[in-house]
Amino acid sequence: MKEGQLRLDKWLWFARFARTRSLAARLVGDGYVRLNGKRVETPAKGVCVGDVVTVAAAHATLSVRVLGLGERRGPAPEARRLYADLSQPGGPPDPSLESV
């Protein structure tokens, strides 16, 4: 893994999108996760700050921009600082669209 990257399954677990790391790996392996619009096939795929992760969970589909990689699976407020929710109406603007 390159410096400034973290395994996708580990990041999903740190950000509390899955209760366990093995469930996070299964989400990725079963095709429920996209990274920058492309379906991810392996949980070991590296995620970087600025990437967009889309998770199609049973209850909702969430798109988030990675703001931090994290160092541990901390409490929920700490986990929420790892991403910005792009799926909420009126959420933060996508900086990549500002030049359009």
Protein backbone atom coordinates (compact mmCIF):
# COMPACT_ATOMS: atom_id res chain seq x y z
CA MET A 1 0.00 0.00 0.00
CA LYS A 2 1.33 3.43 -0.94
CA GLU A 3 1.83 6.17 1.61
CA GLY A 4 -1.34 8.25 1.96
CA GLN A 5 -3.58 5.25 1.22
CA LEU A 6 -5.57 2.85 3.35
CA ARG A 7 -7.27 -0.42 2.43
CA LEU A 8 -10.88 0.22 1.47
CA ASP A 9 -12.27 -2.41 3.86
CA LYS A 10 -10.31 -0.90 6.73
CA TRP A 11 -11.51 2.62 5.89
CA LEU A 12 -15.15 1.45 5.72
CA TRP A 13 -14.72 -0.12 9.15
CA PHE A 14 -13.01 2.99 10.61
CA ALA A 15 -15.80 5.21 9.17
CA ARG A 16 -18.43 2.87 10.66
CA PHE A 17 -20.07 1.77 7.43
CA ALA A 18 -19.70 -1.83 8.69
CA ARG A 19 -19.71 -3.30 12.19
CA THR A 20 -16.67 -5.49 11.55
CA ARG A 21 -13.80 -5.41 9.12
CA SER A 22 -14.83 -8.77 7.69
CA LEU A 23 -18.32 -7.38 6.95
CA ALA A 24 -16.67 -4.39 5.26
CA ALA A 25 -14.60 -6.77 3.14
CA ARG A 26 -17.75 -8.70 2.24
CA LEU A 27 -19.54 -5.48 1.20
CA VAL A 28 -16.69 -4.77 -1.20
CA GLY A 29 -16.40 -8.37 -2.42
CA ASP A 30 -20.13 -8.64 -3.08
CA GLY A 31 -20.04 -5.53 -5.29
CA TYR A 32 -21.86 -3.03 -3.05
CA VAL A 33 -19.03 -0.47 -3.05
CA ARG A 34 -17.82 1.89 -5.77
CA LEU A 35 -14.68 4.00 -5.64
CA ASN A 36 -14.71 7.12 -7.82
CA GLY A 37 -17.63 5.67 -9.79
CA LYS A 38 -16.02 2.30 -10.52
CA ARG A 39 -17.06 -0.96 -8.90
CA VAL A 40 -14.36 -2.30 -6.59
CA GLU A 41 -13.66 -6.03 -6.68
CA THR A 42 -11.07 -6.37 -3.91
CA PRO A 43 -11.14 -5.13 -0.30
CA ALA A 44 -7.40 -4.35 -0.52
CA LYS A 45 -7.98 -1.50 -2.99
CA GLY A 46 -6.34 1.69 -1.72
CA VAL A 47 -8.46 4.69 -0.81
CA CYS A 48 -7.02 8.24 -0.63
CA VAL A 49 -8.22 11.57 0.72
CA GLY A 50 -10.46 13.15 -1.92
CA ASP A 51 -11.81 9.86 -3.31
CA VAL A 52 -15.57 9.38 -3.59
CA VAL A 53 -16.90 6.16 -2.05
CA THR A 54 -20.44 4.97 -2.80
CA VAL A 55 -21.93 2.26 -0.60
CA ALA A 56 -25.18 0.58 -1.61
CA ALA A 57 -26.40 -0.75 1.73
CA ALA A 58 -29.72 -2.52 2.29
CA HIS A 59 -31.32 0.57 3.86
CA ALA A 60 -29.77 3.36 1.71
CA THR A 61 -27.19 4.28 -0.88
CA LEU A 62 -24.60 6.73 0.42
CA SER A 63 -21.99 8.70 -1.49
CA VAL A 64 -19.22 10.26 0.56
CA ARG A 65 -15.98 12.12 -0.10
CA VAL A 66 -13.03 10.85 1.92
CA LEU A 67 -11.70 13.65 4.16
CA GLY A 68 -9.36 11.55 6.29
CA LEU A 69 -8.00 8.03 6.52
CA GLY A 70 -8.12 7.56 10.28
CA GLU A 71 -5.85 5.57 12.52
CA ARG A 72 -8.41 3.57 14.49
CA ARG A 73 -12.10 2.74 14.75
CA GLY A 74 -13.14 5.38 17.22
CA PRO A 75 -16.50 6.68 18.39
CA ALA A 76 -19.13 7.83 15.89
CA PRO A 77 -18.26 11.57 16.06
CA GLU A 78 -14.65 10.72 15.22
CA ALA A 79 -15.77 8.47 12.36
CA ARG A 80 -17.98 11.22 10.86
CA ARG A 81 -14.91 13.44 10.48
CA LEU A 82 -13.45 10.93 7.99
CA TYR A 83 -15.99 11.80 5.27
CA ALA A 84 -18.39 14.38 3.86
CA ASP A 85 -21.82 13.06 2.91
CA LEU A 86 -22.52 13.91 -0.75
CA SER A 87 -25.87 12.11 -0.90
CA GLN A 88 -27.76 14.62 1.25
CA PRO A 89 -29.64 17.37 -0.59
CA GLY A 90 -27.88 20.66 -0.07
CA GLY A 91 -24.66 18.88 0.86
CA PRO A 92 -21.26 20.35 0.14
CA PRO A 93 -20.63 21.22 -3.51
CA ASP A 94 -18.40 18.95 -5.53
CA PRO A 95 -15.15 20.90 -6.09
CA SER A 96 -14.47 18.99 -9.30
CA LEU A 97 -17.57 20.59 -10.85
CA GLU A 98 -16.54 24.18 -10.10
CA SER A 99 -14.43 24.44 -13.26
CA VAL A 100 -17.32 23.32 -15.51
